[in-house]
Protein backbone atom coordinates (compact mmCIF):
# COMPACT_ATOMS: atom_id res chain seq x y z
CA MET A 1 0.00 0.00 0.00
CA SER A 2 1.34 3.43 -0.93
CA SER A 3 1.76 6.29 1.52
CA GLU A 4 -1.03 8.18 -0.28
CA GLU A 5 -3.41 5.23 0.19
CA GLU A 6 -2.47 5.01 3.88
CA PHE A 7 -3.06 8.74 4.37
CA GLN A 8 -6.42 8.46 2.57
CA GLN A 9 -7.44 5.63 4.91
CA LEU A 10 -6.51 7.70 7.97
CA SER A 11 -8.44 10.66 6.56
CA ASN A 12 -11.47 8.43 5.98
CA VAL A 13 -11.39 7.34 9.62
CA ALA A 14 -11.24 10.98 10.74
CA MET A 15 -14.20 11.94 8.54
CA ALA A 16 -16.24 8.98 9.76
CA TYR A 17 -15.59 9.23 13.50
CA LEU A 18 -14.58 12.74 14.54
CA ASP A 19 -17.52 14.75 15.82
CA CYS A 20 -15.91 18.17 15.63
CA PRO A 21 -15.26 20.82 12.99
CA ILE A 22 -12.58 19.82 10.48
CA LEU A 23 -10.57 22.25 8.34
CA GLY A 24 -8.82 20.34 5.55
CA LEU A 25 -5.72 21.98 4.12
CA CYS A 26 -3.68 20.74 1.16
CA PHE A 27 -3.95 16.91 1.13
CA GLY A 28 -6.57 17.16 3.89
CA PHE A 29 -8.77 19.26 1.58
CA GLN A 30 -8.33 16.82 -1.30
CA SER A 31 -8.95 13.73 0.83
CA MET A 32 -12.04 15.30 2.46
CA ALA A 33 -13.49 16.14 -0.96
CA LYS A 34 -12.73 12.59 -2.13
CA TYR A 35 -14.25 11.01 0.99
CA TYR A 36 -17.51 12.90 0.43
CA GLY A 37 -17.70 11.93 -3.26
CA SER A 38 -15.63 14.25 -5.45
CA GLU A 39 -13.20 13.10 -8.08
CA ILE A 40 -9.70 14.56 -7.70
CA GLU A 41 -7.98 15.74 -10.84
CA SER A 42 -4.29 16.41 -11.31
CA GLY A 43 -2.97 19.20 -13.46
CA GLU A 44 0.10 21.30 -13.97
CA GLU A 45 1.59 22.45 -10.66
CA LYS A 46 1.01 26.13 -10.08
CA CYS A 47 2.85 28.00 -7.36
CA GLY A 48 2.88 31.66 -6.55
CA ARG A 49 0.68 34.49 -5.42
CA PHE A 50 -2.92 34.34 -6.58
CA ASP A 51 -6.11 36.31 -6.19
CA LEU A 52 -9.22 34.25 -5.57
CA ASP A 53 -11.28 34.17 -8.79
CA GLU A 54 -14.44 33.99 -6.75
CA HIS A 55 -15.20 33.69 -3.07
CA ASP A 56 -18.29 33.77 -0.90
CA GLU A 57 -17.85 37.11 0.87
CA SER A 58 -20.58 36.20 3.35
CA PHE A 59 -18.71 33.08 4.50
CA TRP A 60 -17.21 33.56 7.98
CA MET A 61 -13.72 32.57 6.89
CA PHE A 62 -13.55 35.44 4.38
CA SER A 63 -15.50 38.12 6.21
CA GLY A 64 -13.58 41.41 6.27
CA LYS A 65 -10.44 39.94 4.69
CA GLU A 66 -8.61 40.92 1.51
CA MET A 67 -8.42 37.89 -0.78
CA LYS A 68 -5.63 39.05 -3.08
CA GLY A 69 -2.00 38.00 -3.40
CA LEU A 70 -2.46 34.73 -1.51
CA SER A 71 0.42 32.23 -1.60
CA PHE A 72 -0.64 28.87 -3.00
CA CYS A 73 0.94 25.84 -4.59
CA PHE A 74 -1.47 23.33 -6.09
CA HIS A 75 -1.90 20.70 -8.77
CA ASP A 76 -4.55 18.33 -7.35
CA TYR A 77 -8.08 19.62 -6.88
CA PRO A 78 -11.68 18.38 -6.73
CA THR A 79 -13.56 18.52 -10.03
CA THR A 80 -16.85 19.38 -8.27
CA ALA A 81 -17.97 20.16 -4.74
CA PRO A 82 -19.24 17.00 -3.01
CA LYS A 83 -22.99 16.58 -2.55
CA GLY A 84 -24.12 18.76 0.37
CA PHE A 85 -21.07 21.03 0.09
CA LYS A 86 -20.82 24.41 -1.58
CA THR A 87 -17.82 25.86 -3.34
CA ILE A 88 -16.68 28.84 -1.28
CA CYS A 89 -13.70 29.91 -3.41
CA SER A 90 -11.77 29.18 -6.55
CA ILE A 91 -8.30 29.96 -7.87
CA ASP A 92 -7.42 29.94 -11.55
CA GLY A 93 -10.77 28.30 -12.30
CA LYS A 94 -10.13 25.42 -9.87
CA ILE A 95 -12.08 24.69 -6.68
CA ALA A 96 -9.93 25.90 -3.78
CA GLY A 97 -12.43 25.77 -0.91
CA ILE A 98 -15.61 23.91 -0.01
CA ALA A 99 -17.91 24.00 3.00
CA ASN A 100 -20.69 21.98 4.58
CA GLU A 101 -21.97 23.92 7.59
CA ASN A 102 -24.17 21.02 8.80
CA LYS A 103 -21.18 18.69 9.03
CA SER A 104 -18.73 21.46 10.12
CA ARG A 105 -16.36 20.46 7.33
CA TYR A 106 -14.33 23.09 5.52
């Protein structure tokens, strides 16, 4: 079993059993999206400073914050938001943030 498969299994356990808010960053974001039903696509790696293409200004994480010149490095991303989740931001046309308030998953 590869390290990625092992990490995905651990992430699946966390999603299934933890009864607390979870903020998935980097691989955690990808594995959360995958656990809840999204396909993960790989593309050209992009690193640098980006402005969010779109973001939900009413979402608590973005409220009152400037969303320009953010440092990101990404190449794997969900193709769609999982069922029950909404896309809260995108970078370069790719989903960069999802949320499900009922599950407290971000």
